[in-house]
Amino acid sequence: MMEKFLPVGRFDDFCCSGDSVLLLSGPPSSGKTSLVFQFAINSATASAGNVVFICNRRKLESKPPYLAQGIDPSSDVINRIQMKYVDDEEGIKKYFAAFHMHDPAPVSVIIDDFADFFDQGNCQERYNNTRGRDLAMVRVLALCRNAILCANEKGPCQLLLSDTHNGDSPRLLYLYKRWVSSIYVIKGFGWKDTEHK
């Protein structure tokens, strides 16, 4: 499964893994954006469909992903990765609320630094609750998962989230476990593949 994030030449079962929602979590500056962008390249390579990469424009411009050696930035595969820039969870909600209108749906949707779109103060104020951020994240995760599952009725479609954590495990693991089918954690010198189904 980890080869989905690496520049490898085998894509036979790339879109047929059965995992509709995935999470890649790792410490700061561990290469998550580059890995999820490589996932986008691999996904576009494995199919004729488009891939959507949702991120914050300012963050992406300050720390762009590294491309694997031999990847032409002007290639057809890269051109099938559509960049969608959002500033907060409202942008994600709007995109997935209209997801059913995409025909065909993208083969993969990637949301880089998912949890960073949820501002603690704004979420607490909006929901009038100290756990407002958790509530907002759960609602958006539910919307995203439902949209992806609906799209899978017509053809393969995956959602990949990335998140940053300090310590041994994703900071919001208790939330992600409910909505994510596979969780990949970058640890020290290797990976830990944690399946949650």
N, C-alpha and C. Protein backbone atom coordinates (compact mmCIF):
# COMPACT_ATOMS: atom_id res chain seq x y z
N MET A 1 0.81 -1.20 0.00
CA MET A 1 0.00 0.00 0.00
C MET A 1 0.85 1.27 0.00
N MET A 2 2.03 1.23 0.62
CA MET A 2 2.83 2.44 0.72
C MET A 2 3.34 2.91 -0.63
N GLU A 3 3.39 1.98 -1.61
CA GLU A 3 3.87 2.38 -2.94
C GLU A 3 2.98 3.43 -3.58
N LYS A 4 1.77 3.62 -3.07
CA LYS A 4 0.89 4.67 -3.58
C LYS A 4 1.48 6.06 -3.39
N PHE A 5 2.39 6.18 -2.42
CA PHE A 5 2.99 7.47 -2.10
C PHE A 5 4.39 7.64 -2.70
N LEU A 6 4.86 6.61 -3.41
CA LEU A 6 6.24 6.63 -3.91
C LEU A 6 6.27 6.59 -5.43
N PRO A 7 7.32 7.11 -6.06
CA PRO A 7 7.43 7.09 -7.52
C PRO A 7 7.83 5.71 -8.03
N VAL A 8 6.87 4.79 -8.09
CA VAL A 8 7.13 3.44 -8.56
C VAL A 8 6.46 3.23 -9.91
N GLY A 9 6.85 2.19 -10.60
CA GLY A 9 6.33 1.96 -11.94
C GLY A 9 5.14 1.03 -12.03
N ARG A 10 4.64 0.51 -10.91
CA ARG A 10 3.51 -0.45 -10.94
C ARG A 10 2.25 0.21 -10.43
N PHE A 11 1.21 0.23 -11.27
CA PHE A 11 -0.03 0.87 -10.87
C PHE A 11 -1.23 -0.06 -11.10
N ASP A 12 -0.99 -1.37 -11.18
CA ASP A 12 -2.04 -2.33 -11.53
C ASP A 12 -3.28 -2.19 -10.66
N ASP A 13 -3.08 -2.16 -9.34
CA ASP A 13 -4.23 -2.16 -8.44
C ASP A 13 -4.36 -0.85 -7.68
N PHE A 14 -3.84 0.22 -8.27
CA PHE A 14 -3.79 1.49 -7.55
C PHE A 14 -5.18 1.95 -7.10
N CYS A 15 -6.15 1.94 -8.00
CA CYS A 15 -7.47 2.47 -7.68
C CYS A 15 -8.43 1.39 -7.19
N CYS A 16 -7.95 0.20 -6.99
CA CYS A 16 -8.85 -0.90 -6.63
C CYS A 16 -8.58 -1.42 -5.23
N SER A 17 -8.04 -0.63 -4.35
CA SER A 17 -7.66 -1.12 -3.04
C SER A 17 -8.83 -1.28 -2.09
N GLY A 18 -9.96 -0.65 -2.38
CA GLY A 18 -11.10 -0.73 -1.49
C GLY A 18 -11.09 0.30 -0.38
N ASP A 19 -9.99 1.03 -0.23
CA ASP A 19 -9.91 2.08 0.78
C ASP A 19 -10.41 3.38 0.15
N SER A 20 -11.56 3.85 0.59
CA SER A 20 -12.10 5.05 -0.03
C SER A 20 -11.61 6.32 0.65
N VAL A 21 -11.26 6.26 1.94
CA VAL A 21 -10.77 7.44 2.65
C VAL A 21 -9.49 7.05 3.39
N LEU A 22 -8.40 7.78 3.09
CA LEU A 22 -7.10 7.48 3.68
C LEU A 22 -6.55 8.72 4.38
N LEU A 23 -5.66 8.48 5.34
CA LEU A 23 -4.99 9.57 6.05
C LEU A 23 -3.50 9.29 6.07
N LEU A 24 -2.70 10.30 5.75
CA LEU A 24 -1.26 10.25 5.92
C LEU A 24 -0.91 11.28 6.98
N SER A 25 -0.36 10.84 8.10
CA SER A 25 -0.01 11.74 9.19
C SER A 25 1.47 11.62 9.49
N GLY A 26 2.08 12.74 9.83
CA GLY A 26 3.50 12.72 10.15
C GLY A 26 3.92 13.99 10.85
N PRO A 27 5.12 13.99 11.40
CA PRO A 27 5.61 15.18 12.09
C PRO A 27 5.84 16.34 11.12
N PRO A 28 5.98 17.55 11.65
CA PRO A 28 6.26 18.70 10.79
C PRO A 28 7.50 18.46 9.94
N SER A 29 7.48 18.93 8.72
CA SER A 29 8.61 18.86 7.78
C SER A 29 9.07 17.44 7.50
N SER A 30 8.13 16.49 7.49
CA SER A 30 8.49 15.09 7.20
C SER A 30 8.22 14.72 5.74
N GLY A 31 7.80 15.68 4.92
CA GLY A 31 7.60 15.40 3.50
C GLY A 31 6.19 14.99 3.13
N LYS A 32 5.22 15.28 3.99
CA LYS A 32 3.83 14.86 3.72
C LYS A 32 3.28 15.46 2.43
N THR A 33 3.51 16.74 2.20
CA THR A 33 2.98 17.37 0.99
C THR A 33 3.58 16.74 -0.25
N SER A 34 4.87 16.46 -0.23
CA SER A 34 5.50 15.80 -1.38
C SER A 34 4.94 14.39 -1.58
N LEU A 35 4.71 13.67 -0.49
CA LEU A 35 4.16 12.31 -0.58
C LEU A 35 2.73 12.31 -1.11
N VAL A 36 1.90 13.23 -0.62
CA VAL A 36 0.51 13.24 -1.12
C VAL A 36 0.44 13.77 -2.55
N PHE A 37 1.39 14.64 -2.93
CA PHE A 37 1.42 15.07 -4.33
C PHE A 37 1.87 13.93 -5.23
N GLN A 38 2.80 13.11 -4.75
CA GLN A 38 3.20 11.92 -5.51
C GLN A 38 2.02 10.96 -5.63
N PHE A 39 1.22 10.86 -4.58
CA PHE A 39 -0.01 10.05 -4.63
C PHE A 39 -0.91 10.57 -5.76
N ALA A 40 -1.03 11.91 -5.87
CA ALA A 40 -1.84 12.51 -6.93
C ALA A 40 -1.28 12.14 -8.31
N ILE A 41 0.03 12.20 -8.47
CA ILE A 41 0.67 11.83 -9.74
C ILE A 41 0.41 10.37 -10.05
N ASN A 42 0.60 9.49 -9.06
CA ASN A 42 0.38 8.06 -9.26
C ASN A 42 -1.08 7.77 -9.60
N SER A 43 -1.99 8.46 -8.94
CA SER A 43 -3.41 8.26 -9.20
C SER A 43 -3.78 8.69 -10.62
N ALA A 44 -3.24 9.83 -11.06
CA ALA A 44 -3.51 10.29 -12.42
C ALA A 44 -2.85 9.38 -13.45
N THR A 45 -1.69 8.82 -13.12
CA THR A 45 -1.00 7.90 -14.02
C THR A 45 -1.77 6.60 -14.18
N ALA A 46 -2.36 6.13 -13.10
CA ALA A 46 -3.05 4.83 -13.10
C ALA A 46 -4.38 4.86 -13.81
N SER A 47 -4.91 6.04 -14.06
CA SER A 47 -6.23 6.14 -14.70
C SER A 47 -6.22 7.27 -15.71
N ALA A 48 -7.29 7.37 -16.43
CA ALA A 48 -7.41 8.47 -17.39
C ALA A 48 -8.13 9.66 -16.77
N GLY A 49 -8.49 9.52 -15.49
CA GLY A 49 -9.29 10.56 -14.84
C GLY A 49 -8.45 11.69 -14.25
N ASN A 50 -9.18 12.67 -13.71
CA ASN A 50 -8.55 13.82 -13.08
C ASN A 50 -8.40 13.60 -11.59
N VAL A 51 -7.51 14.37 -11.00
CA VAL A 51 -7.27 14.35 -9.57
C VAL A 51 -7.41 15.79 -9.08
N VAL A 52 -8.00 15.97 -7.90
CA VAL A 52 -8.14 17.30 -7.32
C VAL A 52 -7.26 17.38 -6.08
N PHE A 53 -6.44 18.42 -6.01
CA PHE A 53 -5.52 18.64 -4.89
C PHE A 53 -5.96 19.91 -4.17
N ILE A 54 -6.55 19.74 -2.98
CA ILE A 54 -7.07 20.87 -2.21
C ILE A 54 -6.03 21.28 -1.18
N CYS A 55 -5.70 22.57 -1.17
CA CYS A 55 -4.69 23.04 -0.23
C CYS A 55 -4.83 24.55 -0.03
N ASN A 56 -4.03 25.06 0.89
CA ASN A 56 -3.94 26.49 1.11
C ASN A 56 -2.86 27.03 0.19
N ARG A 57 -3.21 27.98 -0.64
CA ARG A 57 -2.27 28.49 -1.65
C ARG A 57 -1.00 29.07 -1.03
N ARG A 58 -1.16 29.87 0.02
CA ARG A 58 -0.01 30.51 0.66
C ARG A 58 0.98 29.46 1.19
N LYS A 59 0.45 28.42 1.84
CA LYS A 59 1.33 27.36 2.37
C LYS A 59 2.03 26.62 1.24
N LEU A 60 1.29 26.30 0.19
CA LEU A 60 1.88 25.54 -0.92
C LEU A 60 2.97 26.34 -1.62
N GLU A 61 2.75 27.65 -1.78
CA GLU A 61 3.75 28.48 -2.44
C GLU A 61 5.00 28.64 -1.58
N SER A 62 4.83 28.65 -0.24
CA SER A 62 6.00 28.80 0.63
C SER A 62 6.77 27.49 0.77
N LYS A 63 6.07 26.34 0.67
CA LYS A 63 6.72 25.03 0.75
C LYS A 63 6.13 24.11 -0.32
N PRO A 64 6.54 24.29 -1.58
CA PRO A 64 6.00 23.44 -2.65
C PRO A 64 6.47 22.00 -2.51
N PRO A 65 5.72 21.06 -3.06
CA PRO A 65 6.14 19.65 -2.99
C PRO A 65 7.35 19.41 -3.89
N TYR A 66 8.17 18.46 -3.49
CA TYR A 66 9.29 18.03 -4.33
C TYR A 66 8.77 17.00 -5.31
N LEU A 67 9.17 17.13 -6.57
CA LEU A 67 8.80 16.16 -7.58
C LEU A 67 9.90 15.11 -7.68
N ALA A 68 9.49 13.87 -7.85
CA ALA A 68 10.46 12.79 -8.01
C ALA A 68 11.27 13.02 -9.28
N GLN A 69 12.48 12.52 -9.28
CA GLN A 69 13.36 12.66 -10.43
C GLN A 69 12.69 12.06 -11.67
N GLY A 70 12.78 12.78 -12.78
CA GLY A 70 12.24 12.29 -14.04
C GLY A 70 10.80 12.71 -14.32
N ILE A 71 10.17 13.43 -13.39
CA ILE A 71 8.79 13.88 -13.62
C ILE A 71 8.83 15.23 -14.29
N ASP A 72 8.18 15.32 -15.45
CA ASP A 72 8.12 16.56 -16.22
C ASP A 72 6.95 17.40 -15.72
N PRO A 73 7.21 18.59 -15.15
CA PRO A 73 6.13 19.43 -14.62
C PRO A 73 5.09 19.86 -15.67
N SER A 74 5.43 19.73 -16.95
CA SER A 74 4.47 20.12 -17.99
C SER A 74 3.80 18.90 -18.63
N SER A 75 3.95 17.73 -18.04
CA SER A 75 3.39 16.51 -18.63
C SER A 75 1.86 16.49 -18.53
N ASP A 76 1.26 15.63 -19.32
CA ASP A 76 -0.20 15.45 -19.31
C ASP A 76 -0.69 15.00 -17.94
N VAL A 77 0.08 14.15 -17.28
CA VAL A 77 -0.31 13.65 -15.96
C VAL A 77 -0.42 14.80 -14.97
N ILE A 78 0.58 15.67 -14.95
CA ILE A 78 0.56 16.83 -14.04
C ILE A 78 -0.60 17.75 -14.39
N ASN A 79 -0.89 17.90 -15.68
CA ASN A 79 -2.00 18.77 -16.10
C ASN A 79 -3.36 18.23 -15.68
N ARG A 80 -3.45 16.93 -15.38
CA ARG A 80 -4.72 16.37 -14.92
C ARG A 80 -4.90 16.47 -13.41
N ILE A 81 -3.93 17.09 -12.74
CA ILE A 81 -4.07 17.38 -11.30
C ILE A 81 -4.57 18.82 -11.18
N GLN A 82 -5.81 18.95 -10.77
CA GLN A 82 -6.44 20.27 -10.66
C GLN A 82 -6.23 20.80 -9.24
N MET A 83 -5.62 21.96 -9.15
CA MET A 83 -5.38 22.58 -7.85
C MET A 83 -6.62 23.36 -7.43
N LYS A 84 -7.06 23.14 -6.21
CA LYS A 84 -8.19 23.88 -5.64
C LYS A 84 -7.69 24.52 -4.36
N TYR A 85 -7.69 25.84 -4.34
CA TYR A 85 -7.17 26.57 -3.18
C TYR A 85 -8.33 27.01 -2.29
N VAL A 86 -8.25 26.67 -1.01
CA VAL A 86 -9.25 27.09 -0.04
C VAL A 86 -8.53 27.66 1.18
N ASP A 87 -9.25 28.49 1.94
CA ASP A 87 -8.67 29.13 3.11
C ASP A 87 -9.12 28.53 4.43
N ASP A 88 -10.30 27.89 4.42
CA ASP A 88 -10.83 27.34 5.67
C ASP A 88 -11.80 26.20 5.35
N GLU A 89 -12.43 25.68 6.40
CA GLU A 89 -13.32 24.53 6.19
C GLU A 89 -14.53 24.85 5.34
N GLU A 90 -14.91 26.11 5.26
CA GLU A 90 -16.05 26.49 4.42
C GLU A 90 -15.77 26.16 2.95
N GLY A 91 -14.55 26.39 2.51
CA GLY A 91 -14.18 26.06 1.14
C GLY A 91 -14.27 24.57 0.86
N ILE A 92 -13.87 23.76 1.84
CA ILE A 92 -13.96 22.30 1.70
C ILE A 92 -15.43 21.89 1.65
N LYS A 93 -16.24 22.46 2.55
CA LYS A 93 -17.67 22.11 2.58
C LYS A 93 -18.35 22.47 1.26
N LYS A 94 -18.06 23.64 0.72
CA LYS A 94 -18.67 24.05 -0.55
C LYS A 94 -18.29 23.10 -1.68
N TYR A 95 -17.02 22.70 -1.71
CA TYR A 95 -16.56 21.80 -2.77
C TYR A 95 -17.30 20.46 -2.68
N PHE A 96 -17.36 19.87 -1.49
CA PHE A 96 -17.98 18.55 -1.36
C PHE A 96 -19.51 18.61 -1.39
N ALA A 97 -20.11 19.74 -1.06
CA ALA A 97 -21.56 19.87 -1.17
C ALA A 97 -22.00 19.78 -2.64
N ALA A 98 -21.12 20.20 -3.55
CA ALA A 98 -21.44 20.15 -4.98
C ALA A 98 -20.71 19.00 -5.68
N PHE A 99 -20.17 18.06 -4.92
CA PHE A 99 -19.36 16.98 -5.48
C PHE A 99 -20.16 16.10 -6.45
N HIS A 100 -21.44 15.94 -6.17
CA HIS A 100 -22.29 15.10 -7.02
C HIS A 100 -22.44 15.67 -8.44
N MET A 101 -22.10 16.93 -8.63
CA MET A 101 -22.23 17.56 -9.94
C MET A 101 -21.03 17.27 -10.85
N HIS A 102 -19.96 16.72 -10.29
CA HIS A 102 -18.79 16.37 -11.10
C HIS A 102 -19.10 15.09 -11.87
N ASP A 103 -19.08 15.19 -13.17
CA ASP A 103 -19.36 14.01 -13.99
C ASP A 103 -18.36 13.96 -15.13
N PRO A 104 -17.39 13.08 -15.07
CA PRO A 104 -17.18 12.10 -14.02
C PRO A 104 -16.50 12.72 -12.81
N ALA A 105 -16.62 12.01 -11.69
CA ALA A 105 -15.94 12.45 -10.46
C ALA A 105 -14.44 12.24 -10.63
N PRO A 106 -13.63 13.00 -9.91
CA PRO A 106 -12.19 12.75 -9.96
C PRO A 106 -11.88 11.36 -9.40
N VAL A 107 -10.78 10.77 -9.83
CA VAL A 107 -10.40 9.46 -9.31
C VAL A 107 -9.82 9.58 -7.90
N SER A 108 -9.28 10.74 -7.58
CA SER A 108 -8.75 11.00 -6.23
C SER A 108 -8.94 12.46 -5.88
N VAL A 109 -9.22 12.70 -4.61
CA VAL A 109 -9.24 14.05 -4.06
C VAL A 109 -8.28 14.02 -2.88
N ILE A 110 -7.36 14.97 -2.86
CA ILE A 110 -6.37 15.05 -1.79
C ILE A 110 -6.59 16.37 -1.07
N ILE A 111 -6.63 16.32 0.26
CA ILE A 111 -6.70 17.54 1.07
C ILE A 111 -5.44 17.58 1.92
N ASP A 112 -4.56 18.51 1.59
CA ASP A 112 -3.28 18.65 2.30
C ASP A 112 -3.49 19.46 3.58
N ASP A 113 -2.92 18.99 4.68
CA ASP A 113 -3.01 19.66 5.99
C ASP A 113 -4.47 19.89 6.39
N PHE A 114 -5.25 18.84 6.37
CA PHE A 114 -6.69 18.91 6.62
C PHE A 114 -7.04 19.66 7.89
N ALA A 115 -6.47 19.28 9.02
CA ALA A 115 -6.86 19.88 10.31
C ALA A 115 -6.52 21.36 10.40
N ASP A 116 -5.56 21.82 9.61
CA ASP A 116 -5.16 23.23 9.66
C ASP A 116 -6.25 24.16 9.11
N PHE A 117 -7.22 23.63 8.40
CA PHE A 117 -8.30 24.46 7.88
C PHE A 117 -9.33 24.82 8.95
N PHE A 118 -9.21 24.22 10.13
CA PHE A 118 -10.18 24.42 11.19
C PHE A 118 -9.57 25.26 12.31
N ASP A 119 -9.92 26.54 12.35
CA ASP A 119 -9.39 27.46 13.36
C ASP A 119 -10.14 27.23 14.68
N GLN A 120 -9.39 26.97 15.73
CA GLN A 120 -9.97 26.66 17.04
C GLN A 120 -10.95 27.74 17.50
N GLY A 121 -10.51 29.00 17.47
CA GLY A 121 -11.34 30.11 17.95
C GLY A 121 -12.61 30.27 17.15
N ASN A 122 -12.49 30.27 15.82
CA ASN A 122 -13.68 30.43 14.96
C ASN A 122 -14.67 29.29 15.17
N CYS A 123 -14.17 28.08 15.28
CA CYS A 123 -15.06 26.92 15.45
C CYS A 123 -15.76 26.95 16.81
N GLN A 124 -15.04 27.35 17.86
CA GLN A 124 -15.67 27.45 19.19
C GLN A 124 -16.76 28.50 19.18
N GLU A 125 -16.50 29.61 18.51
CA GLU A 125 -17.49 30.68 18.45
C GLU A 125 -18.71 30.26 17.62
N ARG A 126 -18.47 29.62 16.48
CA ARG A 126 -19.55 29.21 15.59
C ARG A 126 -20.49 28.21 16.26
N TYR A 127 -19.92 27.25 16.97
CA TYR A 127 -20.72 26.19 17.59
C TYR A 127 -21.03 26.47 19.06
N ASN A 128 -20.51 27.59 19.58
CA ASN A 128 -20.74 27.96 20.98
C ASN A 128 -20.42 26.78 21.90
N ASN A 129 -19.24 26.19 21.65
CA ASN A 129 -18.86 24.97 22.36
C ASN A 129 -17.33 24.93 22.42
N THR A 130 -16.79 24.51 23.55
CA THR A 130 -15.33 24.43 23.68
C THR A 130 -14.75 23.37 22.74
N ARG A 131 -15.57 22.41 22.32
CA ARG A 131 -15.11 21.38 21.38
C ARG A 131 -15.60 21.70 19.96
N GLY A 132 -15.76 22.97 19.67
CA GLY A 132 -16.26 23.40 18.37
C GLY A 132 -15.42 22.91 17.20
N ARG A 133 -14.10 22.86 17.39
CA ARG A 133 -13.23 22.40 16.32
C ARG A 133 -13.50 20.93 16.00
N ASP A 134 -13.64 20.13 17.03
CA ASP A 134 -13.96 18.72 16.83
C ASP A 134 -15.29 18.56 16.09
N LEU A 135 -16.29 19.34 16.50
CA LEU A 135 -17.61 19.27 15.86
C LEU A 135 -17.51 19.65 14.37
N ALA A 136 -16.79 20.72 14.10
CA ALA A 136 -16.64 21.16 12.71
C ALA A 136 -15.92 20.09 11.88
N MET A 137 -14.86 19.51 12.43
CA MET A 137 -14.12 18.49 11.69
C MET A 137 -14.98 17.26 11.42
N VAL A 138 -15.75 16.83 12.41
CA VAL A 138 -16.60 15.66 12.24
C VAL A 138 -17.64 15.91 11.15
N ARG A 139 -18.21 17.08 11.14
CA ARG A 139 -19.22 17.39 10.11
C ARG A 139 -18.62 17.39 8.71
N VAL A 140 -17.43 17.97 8.59
CA VAL A 140 -16.79 18.01 7.28
C VAL A 140 -16.32 16.61 6.87
N LEU A 141 -15.78 15.85 7.81
CA LEU A 141 -15.37 14.47 7.49
C LEU A 141 -16.57 13.63 7.03
N ALA A 142 -17.70 13.80 7.69
CA ALA A 142 -18.90 13.06 7.30
C ALA A 142 -19.35 13.46 5.89
N LEU A 143 -19.33 14.75 5.60
CA LEU A 143 -19.71 15.23 4.27
C LEU A 143 -18.76 14.68 3.20
N CYS A 144 -17.47 14.76 3.47
CA CYS A 144 -16.46 14.27 2.52
C CYS A 144 -16.63 12.77 2.27
N ARG A 145 -16.78 12.02 3.33
CA ARG A 145 -16.89 10.56 3.21
C ARG A 145 -18.16 10.18 2.43
N ASN A 146 -19.27 10.84 2.74
CA ASN A 146 -20.51 10.55 2.01
C ASN A 146 -20.38 10.87 0.53
N ALA A 147 -19.74 11.98 0.21
CA ALA A 147 -19.55 12.35 -1.20
C ALA A 147 -18.69 11.31 -1.92
N ILE A 148 -17.62 10.86 -1.27
CA ILE A 148 -16.73 9.87 -1.89
C ILE A 148 -17.45 8.53 -2.06
N LEU A 149 -18.18 8.10 -1.05
CA LEU A 149 -18.91 6.83 -1.15
C LEU A 149 -19.95 6.89 -2.26
N CYS A 150 -20.62 8.02 -2.40
CA CYS A 150 -21.61 8.20 -3.48
C CYS A 150 -20.91 8.15 -4.84
N ALA A 151 -19.76 8.80 -4.96
CA ALA A 151 -19.02 8.78 -6.22
C ALA A 151 -18.56 7.38 -6.57
N ASN A 152 -18.24 6.56 -5.56
CA ASN A 152 -17.78 5.20 -5.79
C ASN A 152 -18.86 4.29 -6.36
N GLU A 153 -20.10 4.71 -6.30
CA GLU A 153 -21.18 3.93 -6.92
C GLU A 153 -21.08 3.97 -8.44
N LYS A 154 -20.42 5.01 -8.96
CA LYS A 154 -20.26 5.16 -10.42
C LYS A 154 -18.88 4.74 -10.91
N GLY A 155 -17.89 4.84 -10.05
CA GLY A 155 -16.53 4.49 -10.43
C GLY A 155 -15.60 4.74 -9.27
N PRO A 156 -14.36 4.24 -9.36
CA PRO A 156 -13.43 4.39 -8.23
C PRO A 156 -13.09 5.84 -7.93
N CYS A 157 -13.13 6.18 -6.65
CA CYS A 157 -12.80 7.53 -6.20
C CYS A 157 -12.27 7.42 -4.78
N GLN A 158 -11.12 8.03 -4.52
CA GLN A 158 -10.51 7.99 -3.20
C GLN A 158 -10.31 9.39 -2.66
N LEU A 159 -10.37 9.51 -1.34
CA LEU A 159 -10.05 10.74 -0.65
C LEU A 159 -8.82 10.48 0.22
N LEU A 160 -7.81 11.33 0.07
CA LEU A 160 -6.61 11.25 0.89
C LEU A 160 -6.46 12.54 1.67
N LEU A 161 -6.35 12.43 2.98
CA LEU A 161 -6.13 13.57 3.85
C LEU A 161 -4.70 13.49 4.37
N SER A 162 -4.08 14.64 4.59
CA SER A 162 -2.80 14.64 5.31
C SER A 162 -2.97 15.51 6.54
N ASP A 163 -2.22 15.16 7.57
CA ASP A 163 -2.29 15.91 8.83
C ASP A 163 -0.93 15.87 9.49
N THR A 164 -0.65 16.85 10.31
CA THR A 164 0.61 16.95 11.03
C THR A 164 0.40 16.54 12.48
N HIS A 165 1.33 15.78 13.01
CA HIS A 165 1.26 15.44 14.43
C HIS A 165 2.64 15.53 15.06
N ASN A 166 2.65 15.77 16.34
CA ASN A 166 3.87 15.70 17.14
C ASN A 166 3.70 14.51 18.07
N GLY A 167 4.72 13.75 18.25
CA GLY A 167 4.59 12.56 19.07
C GLY A 167 4.44 11.33 18.21
N ASP A 168 3.86 10.28 18.80
CA ASP A 168 3.82 8.99 18.13
C ASP A 168 2.63 8.75 17.22
N SER A 169 1.53 9.44 17.42
CA SER A 169 0.35 9.14 16.62
C SER A 169 -0.37 10.42 16.22
N PRO A 170 -1.27 10.31 15.23
CA PRO A 170 -2.03 11.49 14.80
C PRO A 170 -2.72 12.16 15.98
N ARG A 171 -2.67 13.48 16.03
CA ARG A 171 -3.21 14.23 17.17
C ARG A 171 -4.71 14.07 17.31
N LEU A 172 -5.38 13.81 16.22
CA LEU A 172 -6.84 13.69 16.25
C LEU A 172 -7.28 12.29 15.87
N LEU A 173 -6.50 11.30 16.29
CA LEU A 173 -6.79 9.92 15.92
C LEU A 173 -8.19 9.50 16.32
N TYR A 174 -8.65 9.95 17.48
CA TYR A 174 -9.99 9.60 17.95
C TYR A 174 -11.08 10.07 16.99
N LEU A 175 -10.84 11.14 16.25
CA LEU A 175 -11.81 11.60 15.25
C LEU A 175 -11.64 10.84 13.94
N TYR A 176 -10.41 10.70 13.51
CA TYR A 176 -10.15 10.08 12.22
C TYR A 176 -10.57 8.61 12.17
N LYS A 177 -10.45 7.89 13.29
CA LYS A 177 -10.76 6.46 13.30
C LYS A 177 -12.16 6.18 12.78
N ARG A 178 -13.10 7.05 13.05
CA ARG A 178 -14.49 6.84 12.66
C ARG A 178 -14.72 7.03 11.16
N TRP A 179 -13.93 7.89 10.53
CA TRP A 179 -14.23 8.30 9.16
C TRP A 179 -13.21 7.83 8.12
N VAL A 180 -12.07 7.32 8.58
CA VAL A 180 -10.98 6.98 7.68
C VAL A 180 -10.77 5.46 7.68
N SER A 181 -10.66 4.87 6.48
CA SER A 181 -10.51 3.41 6.39
C SER A 181 -9.07 2.96 6.59
N SER A 182 -8.08 3.76 6.20
CA SER A 182 -6.66 3.41 6.40
C SER A 182 -5.88 4.63 6.83
N ILE A 183 -5.04 4.44 7.84
CA ILE A 183 -4.22 5.52 8.37
C ILE A 183 -2.75 5.12 8.22
N TYR A 184 -1.97 6.00 7.59
CA TYR A 184 -0.53 5.80 7.43
C TYR A 184 0.18 6.85 8.26
N VAL A 185 1.13 6.42 9.09
CA VAL A 185 1.83 7.33 9.98
C VAL A 185 3.32 7.30 9.66
N ILE A 186 3.90 8.47 9.45
CA ILE A 186 5.34 8.59 9.24
C ILE A 186 5.98 8.67 10.62
N LYS A 187 6.88 7.73 10.89
CA LYS A 187 7.55 7.70 12.19
C LYS A 187 9.05 7.56 11.98
N GLY A 188 9.80 8.45 12.53
CA GLY A 188 11.26 8.34 12.50
C GLY A 188 11.82 7.96 11.15
N PHE A 189 12.29 6.73 11.02
CA PHE A 189 12.91 6.28 9.79
C PHE A 189 12.00 5.39 8.97
N GLY A 190 10.73 5.30 9.29
CA GLY A 190 9.89 4.40 8.52
C GLY A 190 8.42 4.74 8.63
N TRP A 191 7.62 3.78 8.20
CA TRP A 191 6.18 3.95 8.15
C TRP A 191 5.53 3.01 9.14
N LYS A 192 4.39 3.37 9.58
CA LYS A 192 3.55 2.45 10.34
C LYS A 192 2.19 2.48 9.65
N ASP A 193 1.77 1.35 9.16
CA ASP A 193 0.48 1.23 8.46
C ASP A 193 -0.54 0.75 9.47
N THR A 194 -1.50 1.59 9.78
CA THR A 194 -2.53 1.25 10.75
C THR A 194 -3.86 1.17 10.04
N GLU A 195 -4.39 -0.02 9.89
CA GLU A 195 -5.68 -0.22 9.22
C GLU A 195 -6.80 -0.02 10.23
N HIS A 196 -7.81 0.75 9.85
CA HIS A 196 -9.00 0.97 10.68
C HIS A 196 -10.21 0.77 9.80
N LYS A 197 -10.90 -0.34 9.96
CA LYS A 197 -12.08 -0.61 9.14
C LYS A 197 -13.25 -0.94 10.02
